[in-house]
Protein backbone atom coordinates (compact mmCIF):
# COMPACT_ATOMS: atom_id res chain seq x y z
CA MET A 1 -40.75 87.23 191.98
CA LYS A 2 -39.72 90.70 190.85
CA LYS A 3 -42.01 93.60 191.61
CA LYS A 4 -42.94 95.41 188.40
CA ILE A 5 -42.93 99.16 188.91
CA LEU A 6 -44.23 101.53 186.24
CA THR A 7 -42.59 104.92 186.69
CA VAL A 8 -44.49 107.83 185.14
CA VAL A 9 -42.64 111.03 184.19
CA GLY A 10 -43.67 113.93 182.05
CA ALA A 11 -41.75 117.07 182.94
CA ARG A 12 -38.06 117.91 183.15
CA PRO A 13 -37.74 117.74 186.97
CA GLN A 14 -39.40 114.32 187.07
CA ILE A 15 -37.03 112.93 184.47
CA ILE A 16 -34.12 114.11 186.59
CA LYS A 17 -35.63 112.78 189.82
CA SER A 18 -36.31 109.38 188.29
CA SER A 19 -32.62 108.85 187.54
CA ALA A 20 -31.87 108.42 191.25
CA ILE A 21 -34.38 105.59 191.69
CA SER A 22 -33.40 103.97 188.38
CA ARG A 23 -29.76 104.08 189.44
CA ALA A 24 -30.52 102.50 192.83
CA ILE A 25 -32.57 99.74 191.20
CA SER A 26 -29.79 98.99 188.72
CA LYS A 27 -27.07 98.98 191.36
CA TYR A 28 -28.75 97.34 194.36
CA TYR A 29 -32.22 96.01 193.52
CA ASN A 30 -32.11 94.65 189.98
CA LYS A 31 -33.06 91.19 191.23
CA ASP A 32 -36.05 92.54 193.17
CA ILE A 33 -37.52 95.31 191.00
CA GLU A 34 -38.29 95.56 187.31
CA GLU A 35 -38.85 99.17 186.27
CA LEU A 36 -40.57 100.36 183.11
CA ILE A 37 -40.72 104.07 182.36
CA ILE A 38 -43.71 105.85 180.84
CA HIS A 39 -43.16 109.34 179.45
CA THR A 40 -46.43 111.23 179.08
CA GLY A 41 -44.87 113.85 176.84
CA GLN A 42 -46.18 116.68 179.04
CA HIS A 43 -43.02 118.60 178.17
CA TYR A 44 -42.78 118.08 174.44
CA ASP A 45 -39.89 120.43 173.64
CA GLU A 46 -36.86 118.39 172.55
CA ASN A 47 -34.47 120.40 174.72
CA MET A 48 -36.70 119.95 177.77
CA SER A 49 -37.05 116.21 177.51
CA LYS A 50 -35.00 113.84 175.36
CA VAL A 51 -31.71 115.50 176.20
CA PHE A 52 -32.27 114.68 179.86
CA PHE A 53 -32.80 110.96 179.23
CA ASP A 54 -29.58 110.90 177.22
CA GLU A 55 -27.52 112.96 179.63
CA MET A 56 -28.77 111.33 182.83
CA MET A 57 -28.20 107.83 181.48
CA ILE A 58 -31.81 106.93 182.25
CA PRO A 59 -33.31 103.97 180.41
CA LEU A 60 -35.39 105.15 177.48
CA PRO A 61 -39.14 105.08 178.12
CA SER A 62 -40.96 101.90 177.22
CA PHE A 63 -44.00 104.03 176.40
CA ASN A 64 -44.48 107.64 175.29
CA LEU A 65 -47.96 109.14 175.21
CA ASN A 66 -46.87 112.32 173.37
CA VAL A 67 -49.73 114.34 174.88
CA GLY A 68 -48.04 117.70 174.35
CA SER A 69 -49.52 120.97 175.51
CA GLY A 70 -53.12 121.90 176.19
CA SER A 71 -55.38 123.04 178.98
CA HIS A 72 -55.18 121.22 182.30
CA ALA A 73 -58.35 119.29 181.47
CA ILE A 74 -57.34 118.30 177.95
CA GLN A 75 -53.83 117.32 178.98
CA THR A 76 -54.95 115.32 182.02
CA ALA A 77 -57.76 113.58 180.13
CA SER A 78 -55.39 112.49 177.37
CA MET A 79 -53.00 111.08 179.95
CA LEU A 80 -55.75 109.26 181.83
CA LYS A 81 -56.85 107.41 178.73
CA GLY A 82 -53.36 106.44 177.63
CA LEU A 83 -52.10 105.49 181.08
CA GLU A 84 -55.09 103.33 181.96
CA GLU A 85 -54.61 101.29 178.78
CA ILE A 86 -50.95 100.70 179.65
CA PHE A 87 -51.68 99.85 183.28
CA ILE A 88 -54.31 97.29 182.32
CA LYS A 89 -51.97 95.67 179.80
CA GLU A 90 -48.83 95.63 181.99
CA LYS A 91 -50.49 94.72 185.32
CA PRO A 92 -47.78 96.37 187.48
CA THR A 93 -47.22 95.79 191.18
CA ALA A 94 -47.39 99.55 191.61
CA VAL A 95 -47.18 102.88 189.81
CA LEU A 96 -44.48 105.32 190.95
CA VAL A 97 -44.94 109.07 190.50
CA TYR A 98 -42.94 112.17 191.35
CA GLY A 99 -43.86 115.63 192.53
CA ASP A 100 -46.95 117.57 191.53
CA THR A 101 -47.51 117.82 187.76
CA ASN A 102 -50.53 116.88 185.68
CA SER A 103 -48.67 113.65 184.88
CA THR A 104 -48.52 112.91 188.62
CA LEU A 105 -52.24 113.49 189.05
CA ALA A 106 -53.28 111.54 185.96
CA ALA A 107 -51.09 108.53 186.76
CA SER A 108 -52.30 108.39 190.37
CA LEU A 109 -55.96 108.62 189.42
CA ALA A 110 -55.70 106.11 186.60
CA ALA A 111 -53.91 103.62 188.86
CA VAL A 112 -56.01 103.95 192.00
CA LYS A 113 -59.29 103.57 190.07
CA ILE A 114 -58.22 100.08 188.94
CA HIS A 115 -56.74 99.18 192.34
CA ILE A 116 -53.05 99.51 191.52
CA PRO A 117 -51.02 100.90 194.46
CA VAL A 118 -49.48 104.34 193.98
CA ILE A 119 -46.03 105.27 195.27
CA HIS A 120 -45.56 109.03 195.64
CA VAL A 121 -42.02 110.33 195.85
CA GLU A 122 -41.82 113.93 197.11
CA ALA A 123 -45.02 113.60 199.09
CA GLY A 124 -46.23 115.93 201.82
CA LEU A 125 -45.02 119.22 200.38
CA ARG A 126 -47.47 122.07 200.77
CA SER A 127 -47.51 125.70 199.69
CA PHE A 128 -50.94 126.15 201.34
CA ASN A 129 -52.03 128.01 198.22
CA LYS A 130 -54.77 126.06 196.48
CA TYR A 131 -54.82 128.49 193.57
CA MET A 132 -51.64 126.76 192.46
CA PRO A 133 -52.47 123.78 190.19
CA GLU A 134 -49.46 121.99 191.70
CA GLU A 135 -50.96 122.21 195.18
CA ILE A 136 -54.17 120.50 194.03
CA ASN A 137 -52.14 117.84 192.24
CA ARG A 138 -49.90 117.02 195.20
CA ILE A 139 -52.70 116.90 197.77
CA SER A 140 -54.84 114.68 195.54
CA CYS A 141 -51.94 112.36 194.77
CA ASP A 142 -50.99 111.97 198.44
CA HIS A 143 -54.49 110.86 199.34
CA MET A 144 -54.51 108.29 196.54
CA SER A 145 -51.16 106.76 197.51
CA SER A 146 -50.23 103.58 199.35
CA MET A 147 -46.63 104.61 199.97
CA LEU A 148 -45.63 108.23 200.57
CA PHE A 149 -41.98 109.30 200.68
CA THR A 150 -41.41 112.86 201.88
CA PRO A 151 -38.06 114.65 201.52
CA THR A 152 -38.37 116.82 204.65
CA GLN A 153 -39.50 116.66 208.25
CA LYS A 154 -41.99 119.43 207.49
CA GLY A 155 -43.48 117.33 204.70
CA TYR A 156 -43.87 114.42 207.12
CA ASP A 157 -45.50 116.69 209.69
CA ASN A 158 -47.93 117.97 207.03
CA LEU A 159 -49.07 114.43 206.24
CA ILE A 160 -49.58 113.52 209.87
CA ALA A 161 -51.60 116.72 210.34
CA GLU A 162 -53.82 115.66 207.42
CA GLY A 163 -54.68 112.36 209.08
CA PHE A 164 -52.02 109.95 207.86
CA LYS A 165 -50.80 107.59 210.57
CA SER A 166 -47.14 107.10 211.43
CA ARG A 167 -45.48 103.70 211.73
CA GLN A 168 -48.14 101.64 209.98
CA LYS A 169 -47.51 97.89 210.30
CA GLY A 170 -47.91 95.21 207.66
CA LEU A 171 -48.09 95.72 203.91
CA ALA A 172 -48.83 99.15 202.54
CA SER A 173 -52.22 99.76 200.94
CA ILE A 174 -54.56 102.59 200.00
CA ASP A 175 -56.41 102.11 203.31
CA LYS A 176 -53.21 101.73 205.34
CA PRO A 177 -50.70 103.95 203.59
CA HIS A 178 -47.11 103.98 204.78
CA VAL A 179 -45.51 107.40 205.31
CA TYR A 180 -41.73 107.88 205.38
CA TYR A 181 -39.37 110.80 205.85
CA CYS A 182 -36.57 109.61 203.60
CA GLY A 183 -34.57 112.66 202.55
CA ASP A 184 -34.46 114.15 199.08
CA ILE A 185 -33.59 112.13 195.99
CA MET A 186 -32.45 115.34 194.32
CA PHE A 187 -29.77 115.60 196.99
CA ASP A 188 -28.73 112.09 195.91
CA ASN A 189 -28.54 113.32 192.32
CA SER A 190 -26.70 116.50 193.16
CA ILE A 191 -23.97 114.56 194.93
CA TYR A 192 -23.71 111.98 192.15
CA PHE A 193 -23.80 114.30 189.15
CA SER A 194 -21.76 117.13 190.65
CA LYS A 195 -18.50 115.28 190.05
CA ILE A 196 -19.57 114.26 186.54
CA SER A 197 -20.48 117.86 185.78
CA GLU A 198 -16.99 119.06 186.69
CA ASN A 199 -15.50 116.92 183.93
CA SER A 200 -18.19 117.19 181.26
CA SER A 201 -19.67 120.71 181.39
CA SER A 202 -17.90 123.66 179.80
CA ILE A 203 -20.82 126.11 179.95
CA VAL A 204 -19.18 128.47 182.46
CA SER A 205 -16.11 128.95 180.28
CA ASP A 206 -18.18 128.92 177.07
CA LEU A 207 -20.18 131.91 178.35
CA ASN A 208 -17.00 133.59 179.61
CA LEU A 209 -18.33 133.73 183.15
CA GLU A 210 -16.23 134.44 186.21
CA ILE A 211 -16.61 131.75 188.86
CA ASN A 212 -18.67 132.88 191.85
CA ASN A 213 -19.30 136.24 190.21
CA PHE A 214 -22.50 135.92 188.17
CA ILE A 215 -26.23 135.51 188.78
CA LEU A 216 -28.20 132.46 187.66
CA CYS A 217 -31.87 133.17 186.99
CA THR A 218 -34.76 130.95 185.94
CA ILE A 219 -38.38 132.02 185.34
CA HIS A 220 -41.02 129.59 184.17
CA ARG A 221 -44.11 129.46 186.39
CA ASP A 222 -47.32 130.64 184.78
CA LEU A 223 -48.10 132.74 187.86
CA ASN A 224 -45.24 134.96 186.65
CA THR A 225 -45.08 134.46 182.89
CA ASP A 226 -48.81 134.83 182.22
CA VAL A 227 -49.32 138.10 184.12
CA LYS A 228 -48.03 141.18 182.32
CA ARG A 229 -47.37 143.33 185.40
CA LYS A 230 -45.43 140.49 187.05
CA MET A 231 -43.22 139.89 184.04
CA GLU A 232 -42.58 143.63 183.77
CA SER A 233 -41.71 143.89 187.45
CA ILE A 234 -39.32 140.92 187.45
CA PHE A 235 -37.41 141.95 184.34
CA LYS A 236 -37.19 145.59 185.46
CA ALA A 237 -35.67 144.33 188.71
CA LEU A 238 -33.16 142.20 186.80
CA LEU A 239 -32.07 145.22 184.77
CA GLU A 240 -31.72 147.30 187.94
CA ILE A 241 -29.63 144.56 189.59
CA VAL A 242 -27.31 144.45 186.57
CA ASP A 243 -26.92 148.23 186.63
CA ASN A 244 -26.28 148.33 190.39
CA THR A 245 -23.87 145.40 190.69
CA GLY A 246 -22.30 144.96 187.27
CA LEU A 247 -22.85 141.23 187.62
CA LYS A 248 -23.82 139.19 184.60
CA ILE A 249 -27.12 137.30 184.62
CA VAL A 250 -27.48 133.93 182.92
CA LEU A 251 -31.12 133.10 182.15
CA PRO A 252 -31.83 129.73 180.48
CA LEU A 253 -35.20 130.41 178.87
CA HIS A 254 -38.02 127.96 179.43
CA PRO A 255 -40.12 127.71 176.21
CA ARG A 256 -43.10 129.31 178.00
CA THR A 257 -41.01 132.27 179.10
CA ARG A 258 -39.48 132.82 175.68
CA ASP A 259 -42.95 132.70 174.13
CA ARG A 260 -44.43 135.18 176.61
CA MET A 261 -41.65 137.76 176.78
CA GLU A 262 -42.35 139.56 173.51
CA TYR A 263 -46.00 140.35 174.28
CA GLN A 264 -45.94 140.47 178.09
CA LEU A 265 -43.09 142.97 178.28
CA SER A 266 -43.32 146.54 177.03
CA LYS A 267 -41.45 147.11 173.79
CA ASN A 268 -38.91 149.33 175.52
CA LEU A 269 -38.18 146.81 178.28
CA TYR A 270 -38.10 143.90 175.83
CA ASN A 271 -35.50 145.70 173.72
CA LYS A 272 -33.40 146.62 176.76
CA ILE A 273 -33.35 143.00 177.94
CA ASN A 274 -32.35 141.69 174.52
CA GLN A 275 -29.72 144.38 173.95
CA SER A 276 -28.13 144.11 177.38
CA LYS A 277 -24.54 142.87 177.31
CA LYS A 278 -24.91 141.67 180.89
CA ILE A 279 -28.03 139.49 180.51
CA PHE A 280 -27.43 136.21 178.68
CA LEU A 281 -30.68 134.73 177.37
CA ILE A 282 -29.78 131.16 176.48
CA GLU A 283 -31.62 128.00 175.47
CA PRO A 284 -32.70 125.50 178.15
CA VAL A 285 -29.67 123.63 179.43
CA GLY A 286 -29.09 120.02 180.37
CA PHE A 287 -28.87 118.98 184.00
CA LEU A 288 -25.07 118.76 184.05
CA ASP A 289 -24.78 122.29 182.67
CA MET A 290 -27.40 123.45 185.16
CA ILE A 291 -25.38 121.98 188.03
CA ALA A 292 -22.29 123.77 186.72
CA LEU A 293 -24.17 127.08 186.65
CA GLU A 294 -25.62 126.54 190.12
CA LYS A 295 -22.27 125.53 191.64
CA ASN A 296 -20.41 128.48 190.16
CA ALA A 297 -22.98 131.28 190.53
CA LYS A 298 -22.71 133.91 193.24
CA ILE A 299 -26.46 134.05 193.85
CA ILE A 300 -29.59 132.48 192.31
CA VAL A 301 -32.91 134.12 191.38
CA THR A 302 -35.71 131.70 190.53
CA ASP A 303 -39.36 130.72 190.70
CA SER A 304 -38.48 127.03 190.36
CA GLY A 305 -38.99 124.76 193.35
CA GLY A 306 -36.17 122.50 192.25
CA VAL A 307 -33.66 125.26 191.58
CA GLN A 308 -34.29 127.00 194.90
CA LYS A 309 -33.61 123.73 196.69
CA GLU A 310 -30.49 123.05 194.60
CA SER A 311 -29.25 126.51 195.55
CA PHE A 312 -29.17 125.20 199.12
CA PHE A 313 -27.40 121.99 198.07
CA PHE A 314 -24.65 124.06 196.46
CA LYS A 315 -24.60 126.67 199.24
CA LYS A 316 -25.84 129.65 197.24
CA PRO A 317 -28.26 132.32 198.53
CA CYS A 318 -31.54 132.45 196.63
CA VAL A 319 -34.17 135.03 195.74
CA ILE A 320 -37.46 133.15 195.30
CA LEU A 321 -39.84 134.85 192.85
CA ARG A 322 -42.93 133.40 194.52
CA PRO A 323 -45.21 134.39 197.41
CA GLU A 324 -44.68 131.03 199.13
CA THR A 325 -42.51 127.94 198.95
CA GLU A 326 -42.73 124.25 199.75
CA TRP A 327 -39.12 124.39 200.92
CA VAL A 328 -39.76 126.49 204.02
CA GLU A 329 -36.57 125.29 205.69
CA ILE A 330 -34.27 127.36 203.50
CA VAL A 331 -36.32 130.52 204.07
CA ASN A 332 -36.58 130.01 207.82
CA ASN A 333 -32.84 129.39 207.96
CA GLY A 334 -32.09 132.63 206.11
CA ASN A 335 -30.65 131.07 202.95
CA ALA A 336 -33.46 132.36 200.75
CA VAL A 337 -36.04 135.16 200.67
CA LEU A 338 -39.57 135.11 199.24
CA THR A 339 -40.17 138.17 197.06
CA ASP A 340 -43.05 137.23 194.75
CA SER A 341 -42.78 139.52 191.68
CA ASN A 342 -42.55 142.76 193.66
CA TYR A 343 -39.87 145.04 192.18
CA ASP A 344 -38.82 146.72 195.42
CA THR A 345 -38.78 143.47 197.38
CA ILE A 346 -36.66 141.73 194.75
CA ILE A 347 -34.06 144.52 194.80
CA LYS A 348 -34.02 144.79 198.60
CA SER A 349 -33.81 141.02 199.14
CA PHE A 350 -31.11 140.58 196.51
CA ASN A 351 -28.95 143.24 198.15
CA LEU A 352 -29.55 141.74 201.59
CA LEU A 353 -28.51 138.24 200.51
CA LEU A 354 -25.52 139.59 198.62
CA SER A 355 -24.27 141.47 201.67
CA GLN A 356 -24.36 138.47 204.03
CA SER A 357 -21.70 135.82 204.47
CA ASP A 358 -22.63 133.97 207.67
CA TYR A 359 -24.84 131.35 206.04
CA THR A 360 -25.33 127.92 207.58
CA TYR A 361 -26.46 124.74 205.82
CA PRO A 362 -28.08 122.23 208.20
CA ASN A 363 -28.75 118.68 207.07
CA PHE A 364 -32.39 119.27 206.05
CA TYR A 365 -32.48 116.88 203.09
CA GLY A 366 -31.07 113.59 204.27
CA ASP A 367 -27.84 111.71 203.77
CA GLY A 368 -27.76 111.34 199.99
CA LYS A 369 -29.18 107.80 200.08
CA ALA A 370 -32.92 108.48 199.83
CA SER A 371 -33.30 106.43 196.63
CA GLU A 372 -31.87 103.34 198.28
CA PHE A 373 -34.19 103.82 201.26
CA ILE A 374 -37.20 104.08 198.93
CA CYS A 375 -36.32 100.91 197.03
CA ASN A 376 -35.82 98.99 200.27
CA LYS A 377 -39.27 99.98 201.55
CA ILE A 378 -40.90 99.06 198.22
CA VAL A 379 -39.33 95.61 198.31
CA THR A 380 -40.21 95.07 201.98
CA TYR A 381 -43.71 96.50 202.33
CA LEU A 382 -45.41 96.45 198.95
């Protein structure tokens, strides 16, 4: 009998991540696993959601909760109600969640309360900063899960340190959760979609960018966008970098960032950013265009966990606009620098990374077959 898996996604990175598992199921496990996708609607902007389902060739969701924006409590409560109703009706073998969003937390809690096993992909990551909502979400989800798949050795070590046992025998359950270091499904995706991107994306030429001679920047985390002095500091640094290097900056604007810029930045700085001929403020881009920008950039500046990791996949140095990262490997190896929003540190770190050429890229994130590994363990031990 097929195992029915309900996959819950709600934010752009989760939609992208889910494509790797969906692809593995379709190619290798279609006789063993039936997957239904639930979209919570946590990201409700059309450009941040539907375009990714279309572009990534992911099956359209069987359910869409359309919860939209709201406070953490309102958003999570709306999801809990809608997800529980679906879970009770569909009676799945398990619920599969990704990462650390409110959708991840709500799906895990709704499932575990009615004794449905939870599968957490991208488990074990820790920033060790509990002021981050994502940190609370990921810790809570891990301790509600029956199967935990971590992309890095450090993630595995974190789980063992928190009391999870290695090499559990028998079937996985909430009381005997199985923990696996499987590699990163986003590495799977990067390998798969990189070739497709070469033939389908024209964004580099459309923006008249010189290959390996521009900066890719993304800013979206509320720890930066919702604090005036941090937004000011980051954008002042970007202007200084443009003036010092002459490099163009491409900045696909997350809806939150676009909304905050006008009132978080001083009028003078806001006008300079918008009038700059070197800073390209563009709409959010699809994953294939994002890969093209990442592959062809000279250096990446970001507060996104996914983008900083993809910078490593595509062998680009990275300035991380955060005080900490879950992807400690790339910092420890010298491929990235943590700067938070500090103006001086951003400038200094950018110049340092730009001046270096002796980067190495160890095999931190697996062999590109994490999704197949995950499906095999689900079929065998759930």
